[in-house]
Amino acid sequence: MAENKDVKKITEEELKLIQEKVGAINQLQMQVGGLEVQKQMAVAQVQVVQGELSEVQKGLEEAYGQVSVNLQDGTITEIPEGDEQPSKED
């Protein structure tokens, strides 16, 4: 194959710079993908713990009736009928 003398090229320095930037972008995209997987796993764990909390709340409701629980000291306050609230307070 004959060499075409009219072929234009960027400088080696320019090529190296472009390759570095493309490599950096590729690495960052891989990191983002890894973080997305971690996020999805954390979201799934939150859902599991929320389900477990719901079960604990059901048990407390069976033991104490409709009450609100103070998360700082564990005291309970009865919830008047018709005033539905979650069984916990901040």
C-alpha atoms as a PDB file:
ATOM      1  CA  MET A   1       0.000   0.000   0.000  1.00  0.00           C
ATOM      2  CA  ALA A   2       1.463   3.344  -0.949  1.00  0.00           C
ATOM      3  CA  GLU A   3       1.928   5.975   1.722  1.00  0.00           C
ATOM      4  CA  ASN A   4      -0.183   9.088   1.245  1.00  0.00           C
ATOM      5  CA  LYS A   5       2.013  12.111   1.889  1.00  0.00           C
ATOM      6  CA  ASP A   6      -1.042  14.388   2.121  1.00  0.00           C
ATOM      7  CA  VAL A   7      -2.263  12.761   5.362  1.00  0.00           C
ATOM      8  CA  LYS A   8      -2.422  15.333   8.130  1.00  0.00           C
ATOM      9  CA  LYS A   9      -1.926  14.425  11.780  1.00  0.00           C
ATOM     10  CA  ILE A  10      -2.151  16.176  15.085  1.00  0.00           C
ATOM     11  CA  THR A  11       1.021  16.411  17.125  1.00  0.00           C
ATOM     12  CA  GLU A  12       2.058  13.601  19.466  1.00  0.00           C
ATOM     13  CA  GLU A  13       1.461  15.990  22.393  1.00  0.00           C
ATOM     14  CA  GLU A  14      -2.082  16.744  21.211  1.00  0.00           C
ATOM     15  CA  LEU A  15      -2.792  13.048  20.663  1.00  0.00           C
ATOM     16  CA  LYS A  16      -1.498  12.184  24.140  1.00  0.00           C
ATOM     17  CA  LEU A  17      -3.672  14.921  25.682  1.00  0.00           C
ATOM     18  CA  ILE A  18      -6.797  13.652  23.904  1.00  0.00           C
ATOM     19  CA  GLN A  19      -6.035  10.059  24.928  1.00  0.00           C
ATOM     20  CA  GLU A  20      -5.578  11.125  28.563  1.00  0.00           C
ATOM     21  CA  LYS A  21      -8.910  12.974  28.594  1.00  0.00           C
ATOM     22  CA  VAL A  22     -10.791  10.076  26.971  1.00  0.00           C
ATOM     23  CA  GLY A  23      -9.176   7.672  29.442  1.00  0.00           C
ATOM     24  CA  ALA A  24     -10.174   9.906  32.364  1.00  0.00           C
ATOM     25  CA  ILE A  25     -13.768  10.068  31.110  1.00  0.00           C
ATOM     26  CA  ASN A  26     -13.897   6.278  30.746  1.00  0.00           C
ATOM     27  CA  GLN A  27     -12.564   5.779  34.277  1.00  0.00           C
ATOM     28  CA  LEU A  28     -15.048   8.264  35.726  1.00  0.00           C
ATOM     29  CA  GLN A  29     -17.908   6.548  33.910  1.00  0.00           C
ATOM     30  CA  MET A  30     -16.837   3.238  35.470  1.00  0.00           C
ATOM     31  CA  GLN A  31     -16.792   4.886  38.916  1.00  0.00           C
ATOM     32  CA  VAL A  32     -20.282   6.295  38.340  1.00  0.00           C
ATOM     33  CA  GLY A  33     -21.484   2.816  37.395  1.00  0.00           C
ATOM     34  CA  GLY A  34     -20.005   1.384  40.589  1.00  0.00           C
ATOM     35  CA  LEU A  35     -21.628   4.105  42.660  1.00  0.00           C
ATOM     36  CA  GLU A  36     -24.970   3.445  40.975  1.00  0.00           C
ATOM     37  CA  VAL A  37     -24.740  -0.223  41.962  1.00  0.00           C
ATOM     38  CA  GLN A  38     -23.938   0.794  45.558  1.00  0.00           C
ATOM     39  CA  LYS A  39     -26.906   3.183  45.516  1.00  0.00           C
ATOM     40  CA  GLN A  40     -29.275   0.469  44.302  1.00  0.00           C
ATOM     41  CA  MET A  41     -28.021  -1.904  46.997  1.00  0.00           C
ATOM     42  CA  ALA A  42     -28.518   0.773  49.674  1.00  0.00           C
ATOM     43  CA  VAL A  43     -32.049   1.499  48.440  1.00  0.00           C
ATOM     44  CA  ALA A  44     -32.859  -2.216  48.640  1.00  0.00           C
ATOM     45  CA  GLN A  45     -31.465  -2.349  52.190  1.00  0.00           C
ATOM     46  CA  VAL A  46     -33.603   0.647  53.184  1.00  0.00           C
ATOM     47  CA  GLN A  47     -36.678  -1.181  51.904  1.00  0.00           C
ATOM     48  CA  VAL A  48     -35.778  -4.287  53.913  1.00  0.00           C
ATOM     49  CA  VAL A  49     -35.275  -2.290  57.111  1.00  0.00           C
ATOM     50  CA  GLN A  50     -38.536  -0.392  56.514  1.00  0.00           C
ATOM     51  CA  GLY A  51     -40.315  -3.744  56.293  1.00  0.00           C
ATOM     52  CA  GLU A  52     -38.657  -4.871  59.516  1.00  0.00           C
ATOM     53  CA  LEU A  53     -39.700  -1.615  61.221  1.00  0.00           C
ATOM     54  CA  SER A  54     -43.265  -2.182  60.071  1.00  0.00           C
ATOM     55  CA  GLU A  55     -43.229  -5.614  61.716  1.00  0.00           C
ATOM     56  CA  VAL A  56     -41.894  -4.126  64.968  1.00  0.00           C
ATOM     57  CA  GLN A  57     -44.605  -1.461  64.847  1.00  0.00           C
ATOM     58  CA  LYS A  58     -47.285  -4.132  64.402  1.00  0.00           C
ATOM     59  CA  GLY A  59     -45.958  -5.969  67.449  1.00  0.00           C
ATOM     60  CA  LEU A  60     -45.983  -2.785  69.507  1.00  0.00           C
ATOM     61  CA  GLU A  61     -49.521  -2.042  68.364  1.00  0.00           C
ATOM     62  CA  GLU A  62     -50.615  -5.509  69.468  1.00  0.00           C
ATOM     63  CA  ALA A  63     -48.949  -5.019  72.860  1.00  0.00           C
ATOM     64  CA  TYR A  64     -49.868  -1.388  73.568  1.00  0.00           C
ATOM     65  CA  GLY A  65     -52.641  -0.452  71.127  1.00  0.00           C
ATOM     66  CA  GLN A  66     -52.560   2.709  69.028  1.00  0.00           C
ATOM     67  CA  VAL A  67     -49.711   4.676  70.582  1.00  0.00           C
ATOM     68  CA  SER A  68     -47.040   7.123  69.588  1.00  0.00           C
ATOM     69  CA  VAL A  69     -43.525   6.210  70.739  1.00  0.00           C
ATOM     70  CA  ASN A  70     -40.967   8.849  71.706  1.00  0.00           C
ATOM     71  CA  LEU A  71     -37.735   7.663  70.069  1.00  0.00           C
ATOM     72  CA  GLN A  72     -35.549   9.508  72.595  1.00  0.00           C
ATOM     73  CA  ASP A  73     -36.839   7.959  75.817  1.00  0.00           C
ATOM     74  CA  GLY A  74     -39.299   5.214  74.819  1.00  0.00           C
ATOM     75  CA  THR A  75     -42.331   6.800  76.434  1.00  0.00           C
ATOM     76  CA  ILE A  76     -45.652   6.111  74.761  1.00  0.00           C
ATOM     77  CA  THR A  77     -48.668   8.330  74.302  1.00  0.00           C
ATOM     78  CA  GLU A  78     -52.058   6.947  73.367  1.00  0.00           C
ATOM     79  CA  ILE A  79     -53.408   8.170  70.053  1.00  0.00           C
ATOM     80  CA  PRO A  80     -57.057   9.221  70.287  1.00  0.00           C
ATOM     81  CA  GLU A  81     -59.331   7.190  68.011  1.00  0.00           C
ATOM     82  CA  GLY A  82     -59.706   8.724  64.572  1.00  0.00           C
ATOM     83  CA  ASP A  83     -56.343  10.518  64.933  1.00  0.00           C
ATOM     84  CA  GLU A  84     -54.231   7.991  63.037  1.00  0.00           C
ATOM     85  CA  GLN A  85     -50.477   8.657  63.279  1.00  0.00           C
ATOM     86  CA  PRO A  86     -47.394   6.578  62.722  1.00  0.00           C
ATOM     87  CA  SER A  87     -46.364   4.757  65.901  1.00  0.00           C
ATOM     88  CA  LYS A  88     -43.172   6.806  66.256  1.00  0.00           C
ATOM     89  CA  GLU A  89     -42.126  10.411  66.741  1.00  0.00           C
ATOM     90  CA  ASP A  90     -38.883  12.189  65.848  1.00  0.00           C
END
